[in-house]
Protein backbone atom coordinates (compact mmCIF):
# COMPACT_ATOMS: atom_id res chain seq x y z
CA MET A 1 108.18 87.10 134.24
CA GLU A 2 104.47 86.97 133.50
CA VAL A 3 102.92 89.19 130.88
CA PHE A 4 99.22 89.88 130.79
CA LEU A 5 97.70 90.92 127.50
CA ASP A 6 94.52 92.82 126.89
CA TYR A 7 93.29 90.62 124.06
CA SER A 8 90.56 93.09 123.16
CA ARG A 9 93.21 95.56 121.95
CA LEU A 10 94.71 93.13 119.45
CA LYS A 11 93.42 93.18 115.91
CA PRO A 12 93.20 89.69 114.40
CA ASN A 13 94.19 90.96 110.95
CA ASP A 14 97.37 92.49 112.38
CA VAL A 15 98.25 89.26 114.17
CA VAL A 16 97.69 87.18 111.02
CA GLU A 17 99.77 89.61 108.97
CA ARG A 18 102.61 89.39 111.48
CA MET A 19 102.43 85.60 111.42
CA SER A 20 102.49 85.64 107.63
CA ASN A 21 105.53 87.91 107.51
CA MET A 22 107.34 85.74 110.03
CA CYS A 23 106.61 82.59 107.99
CA LEU A 24 107.89 84.16 104.78
CA THR A 25 111.08 85.24 106.51
CA MET A 26 111.51 81.80 108.05
CA ILE A 27 111.23 80.15 104.64
CA SER A 28 113.80 82.50 103.17
CA ASP A 29 116.15 81.99 106.12
CA PHE A 30 115.72 78.22 105.91
CA ASN A 31 116.69 78.28 102.24
CA GLN A 32 119.87 80.18 103.13
CA ALA A 33 120.58 77.91 106.11
CA LEU A 34 120.42 74.86 103.86
CA LYS A 35 122.89 76.39 101.44
CA LYS A 36 125.34 77.33 104.21
CA PHE A 37 124.63 74.47 106.65
CA ASP A 38 124.00 77.13 109.32
CA ARG A 39 122.74 75.59 112.55
CA LEU A 40 122.43 78.95 114.32
CA THR A 41 119.93 80.16 111.74
CA CYS A 42 118.01 76.89 112.10
CA SER A 43 117.79 77.48 115.86
CA SER A 44 116.48 80.97 115.19
CA ILE A 45 113.82 79.56 112.87
CA ILE A 46 112.67 77.16 115.57
CA ALA A 47 112.38 80.03 118.07
CA ARG A 48 110.29 82.02 115.59
CA GLU A 49 108.06 79.02 114.99
CA ASP A 50 107.42 78.94 118.74
CA GLU A 51 106.45 82.63 118.57
CA ILE A 52 104.01 81.87 115.74
CA ASP A 53 102.47 79.18 117.94
CA ARG A 54 101.99 81.77 120.70
CA LEU A 55 100.39 84.20 118.26
CA ARG A 56 98.05 81.45 117.07
CA PHE A 57 97.05 80.86 120.68
CA VAL A 58 96.33 84.60 121.07
CA LEU A 59 94.07 84.47 118.02
CA LEU A 60 92.20 81.48 119.39
CA ARG A 61 91.63 83.29 122.68
CA GLN A 62 89.85 86.17 120.99
């Protein structure tokens, strides 16, 4: 499925804030995953890192 975004409607500050919140959560989750040796959480962190990469791309397109 292809999704087309209207980049002009996105506010860069909102995107950066979302990226920041995601990073903070990832760090917290990684700390817990290390304590519990939880591979599922590690996989989730990787998926979120991919989402942050996509958000970064959106910012660069603006």
